[in-house]
N, C-alpha and C. Protein backbone atom coordinates (compact mmCIF):
# COMPACT_ATOMS: atom_id res chain seq x y z
N MET A 1 104.42 219.83 102.71
CA MET A 1 104.84 221.16 101.82
C MET A 1 105.38 221.82 102.75
N LEU A 2 106.35 222.81 101.87
CA LEU A 2 107.16 223.55 102.77
C LEU A 2 106.27 224.88 102.96
N SER A 3 106.75 225.04 104.32
CA SER A 3 106.17 226.61 104.67
C SER A 3 106.58 228.04 104.20
N THR A 4 106.10 228.34 103.46
CA THR A 4 106.66 229.60 102.71
C THR A 4 106.48 230.83 103.66
N SER A 5 105.97 230.76 104.90
CA SER A 5 105.63 232.22 105.33
C SER A 5 106.85 232.76 106.53
N LEU A 6 107.87 231.51 106.56
CA LEU A 6 109.10 232.03 106.79
C LEU A 6 109.99 232.54 106.15
N LEU A 7 109.79 232.39 104.81
CA LEU A 7 110.36 232.91 103.96
C LEU A 7 110.40 234.79 103.46
N SER A 8 111.48 235.39 103.37
CA SER A 8 111.18 236.47 103.12
C SER A 8 112.24 236.75 101.82
N LEU A 9 111.62 236.51 100.62
CA LEU A 9 112.18 236.66 99.76
C LEU A 9 111.74 237.69 98.56
N SER A 10 112.36 238.64 98.20
CA SER A 10 112.07 239.65 97.21
C SER A 10 111.24 238.92 95.90
N GLN A 11 110.67 239.99 94.84
CA GLN A 11 110.24 239.45 93.76
C GLN A 11 111.31 238.55 92.96
N ALA A 12 112.31 239.69 92.92
CA ALA A 12 113.64 239.37 91.95
C ALA A 12 113.98 238.07 92.27
N ASP A 13 114.41 237.56 93.66
CA ASP A 13 114.78 236.23 94.22
C ASP A 13 113.79 235.08 94.24
N CYS A 14 112.30 235.26 94.12
CA CYS A 14 111.58 234.27 93.64
C CYS A 14 111.43 234.24 92.22
N ASP A 15 111.90 235.12 91.51
CA ASP A 15 111.84 235.08 89.59
C ASP A 15 112.92 234.00 89.67
N VAL A 16 114.18 234.36 90.19
CA VAL A 16 115.37 233.70 89.88
C VAL A 16 115.41 232.07 90.28
N LEU A 17 114.54 231.87 91.68
CA LEU A 17 114.77 230.67 91.95
C LEU A 17 113.22 230.10 90.97
N THR A 18 112.27 230.53 90.74
CA THR A 18 111.31 230.00 89.98
C THR A 18 111.73 229.41 88.57
N SER A 19 112.97 230.70 87.76
CA SER A 19 113.32 230.09 86.76
C SER A 19 114.20 228.65 86.83
N MET A 20 115.10 228.66 87.99
CA MET A 20 115.83 227.42 88.06
C MET A 20 114.72 226.33 87.82
N ILE A 21 113.96 226.31 88.93
CA ILE A 21 113.08 225.36 89.12
C ILE A 21 112.02 225.00 87.58
N LEU A 22 111.86 225.90 86.99
CA LEU A 22 110.89 225.46 85.87
C LEU A 22 112.16 224.82 84.57
N GLN A 23 113.53 225.60 84.78
CA GLN A 23 114.40 225.02 83.68
C GLN A 23 114.85 223.59 83.63
N ALA A 24 114.17 223.13 84.90
CA ALA A 24 114.63 221.40 85.26
C ALA A 24 113.22 220.78 85.21
N LEU A 25 112.37 221.41 85.93
CA LEU A 25 110.79 221.06 85.84
C LEU A 25 110.23 220.45 84.34
N LEU A 26 110.07 221.53 83.43
CA LEU A 26 109.30 221.57 82.47
C LEU A 26 109.74 220.28 81.42
N PRO A 27 111.38 220.21 81.29
CA PRO A 27 111.58 219.12 80.47
C PRO A 27 111.03 217.64 81.07
N LYS A 28 111.20 217.71 82.59
CA LYS A 28 110.60 216.48 82.81
C LYS A 28 109.21 216.10 82.54
N LEU A 29 108.44 217.31 82.06
CA LEU A 29 107.05 217.12 82.21
C LEU A 29 106.52 217.12 80.57
N HIS A 30 107.74 216.59 80.00
CA HIS A 30 107.70 216.60 78.28
C HIS A 30 107.19 218.02 77.51
N ILE A 31 107.18 219.17 78.27
CA ILE A 31 107.27 220.56 77.87
C ILE A 31 108.66 221.39 77.33
N ASN A 32 108.37 221.92 76.30
CA ASN A 32 109.42 222.70 75.93
C ASN A 32 109.79 223.67 76.86
N ARG A 33 111.21 223.88 77.69
CA ARG A 33 111.31 224.88 78.66
C ARG A 33 111.07 226.33 78.05
N ASN A 34 111.20 226.48 77.12
CA ASN A 34 110.93 227.94 76.44
C ASN A 34 109.27 228.21 76.17
N THR A 35 108.55 227.70 76.64
CA THR A 35 106.76 227.80 76.48
C THR A 35 106.78 228.76 77.67
N ALA A 36 106.09 229.80 76.77
CA ALA A 36 105.60 230.82 77.24
C ALA A 36 104.93 230.88 79.10
N ARG A 37 105.53 231.71 79.74
CA ARG A 37 105.00 232.06 81.15
C ARG A 37 103.64 231.95 81.28
N SER A 38 102.96 232.59 80.27
CA SER A 38 101.58 232.72 80.31
C SER A 38 100.87 231.78 80.59
N ILE A 39 101.47 230.19 79.74
CA ILE A 39 100.83 229.27 79.56
C ILE A 39 101.22 228.52 80.66
N VAL A 40 102.43 228.62 81.29
CA VAL A 40 102.83 227.95 82.76
C VAL A 40 102.01 228.39 83.58
N PHE A 41 102.18 229.58 84.06
CA PHE A 41 101.14 229.82 85.06
C PHE A 41 99.88 230.11 85.02
N GLY A 42 99.57 230.23 83.76
CA GLY A 42 97.90 230.45 83.32
C GLY A 42 97.11 229.34 83.57
N SER A 43 95.78 229.55 83.97
CA SER A 43 94.39 228.85 84.50
C SER A 43 94.43 227.79 83.72
N GLU A 44 94.16 226.65 84.29
CA GLU A 44 93.74 225.52 83.19
C GLU A 44 92.34 225.65 82.39
N ILE A 45 91.43 226.46 83.29
CA ILE A 45 90.53 227.03 81.97
C ILE A 45 90.71 227.28 80.76
N TYR A 46 91.91 228.34 80.74
CA TYR A 46 92.39 228.90 79.33
C TYR A 46 93.31 228.07 78.79
N GLY A 47 93.51 226.88 78.92
CA GLY A 47 94.86 225.88 78.37
C GLY A 47 95.95 225.81 79.22
N GLY A 48 96.35 226.45 80.65
CA GLY A 48 97.45 227.01 80.87
C GLY A 48 97.58 225.54 81.91
N LEU A 49 99.02 225.42 82.59
CA LEU A 49 99.28 224.42 83.60
C LEU A 49 98.95 224.70 84.94
N ALA A 50 99.00 225.97 84.91
CA ALA A 50 98.20 226.71 86.65
C ALA A 50 99.61 225.87 87.64
N LEU A 51 100.70 226.33 87.06
CA LEU A 51 101.64 226.15 88.28
C LEU A 51 101.68 227.32 89.46
N PRO A 52 101.82 227.37 90.58
CA PRO A 52 101.80 228.19 91.54
C PRO A 52 103.15 229.01 91.52
N ASN A 53 102.77 230.45 91.77
CA ASN A 53 103.79 231.32 91.50
C ASN A 53 104.35 231.17 93.08
N LEU A 54 105.33 231.13 93.11
CA LEU A 54 106.29 231.55 94.44
C LEU A 54 106.06 232.70 95.02
N TYR A 55 106.16 233.59 94.27
CA TYR A 55 105.92 235.02 95.60
C TYR A 55 104.50 235.21 95.80
N ILE A 56 103.80 234.43 95.18
CA ILE A 56 102.16 234.75 95.63
C ILE A 56 101.90 234.28 96.66
N ILE A 57 102.50 232.58 96.74
CA ILE A 57 102.34 231.70 97.61
C ILE A 57 102.68 232.41 99.13
N GLN A 58 103.88 232.69 98.90
CA GLN A 58 104.54 233.50 99.61
C GLN A 58 103.74 234.63 100.76
N GLY A 59 103.80 235.30 100.02
CA GLY A 59 102.51 236.50 100.40
C GLY A 59 101.21 235.98 101.18
N VAL A 60 100.19 234.91 100.44
CA VAL A 60 99.56 234.39 101.17
C VAL A 60 99.83 233.27 102.15
N ASP A 61 100.78 232.76 102.52
CA ASP A 61 101.24 232.42 103.67
C ASP A 61 101.52 233.24 104.93
N LYS A 62 102.33 234.25 104.60
CA LYS A 62 102.26 235.08 105.87
C LYS A 62 101.23 235.87 105.98
N LEU A 63 99.91 236.23 105.14
CA LEU A 63 98.60 236.84 105.47
C LEU A 63 97.97 235.96 106.24
N ARG A 64 97.64 234.51 105.93
CA ARG A 64 97.40 233.84 106.85
C ARG A 64 97.96 233.19 108.40
N LEU A 65 99.40 233.18 108.36
CA LEU A 65 99.95 233.33 109.56
C LEU A 65 100.00 234.51 110.76
N PHE A 66 99.82 235.71 109.84
CA PHE A 66 99.30 237.00 110.52
C PHE A 66 98.24 237.12 110.94
N LEU A 67 96.93 236.40 110.36
CA LEU A 67 95.57 236.57 110.44
C LEU A 67 95.61 235.43 111.76
N GLY A 68 96.07 234.13 111.52
CA GLY A 68 95.86 233.39 112.70
C GLY A 68 96.46 233.76 113.85
N HIS A 69 97.37 234.72 114.11
CA HIS A 69 97.71 235.28 115.21
C HIS A 69 96.80 235.88 115.87
N LEU A 70 96.24 236.86 114.87
CA LEU A 70 95.47 238.63 114.90
C LEU A 70 94.13 237.69 115.74
N ARG A 71 93.37 236.61 115.40
CA ARG A 71 92.17 235.75 115.34
C ARG A 71 92.45 235.26 117.02
N MET A 72 93.59 234.87 117.23
CA MET A 72 94.04 234.41 118.63
C MET A 72 94.10 235.52 119.74
N ASN A 73 94.39 236.50 119.35
CA ASN A 73 94.72 237.80 120.15
C ASN A 73 95.87 237.35 121.01
N ASP A 74 97.18 236.88 120.62
CA ASP A 74 98.24 236.64 121.21
C ASP A 74 99.27 237.66 120.99
N ARG A 75 100.26 237.42 121.84
CA ARG A 75 101.15 238.71 121.53
C ARG A 75 101.69 238.84 120.29
N THR A 76 101.82 237.90 119.53
CA THR A 76 102.51 238.19 118.26
C THR A 76 101.75 238.84 117.43
N ALA A 77 100.23 239.00 117.65
CA ALA A 77 99.52 239.90 116.76
C ALA A 77 99.78 241.31 117.15
């Protein structure tokens, strides 16, 4: 899996990238590419597809990397 902790994409950059990915991915899943994003990114509990949001994944990966360095008390932290 791609490590997004090294990426530094803005919300707008992530939205553009995600849009291009979804335009190609959704038809392959036999889902209309114009399906509401609340369904695409929504929780499976509520009938969504629960596809991950790139901007959130990027932020969580950066936090994990930072906390790992912080816990190790190395020079990076």
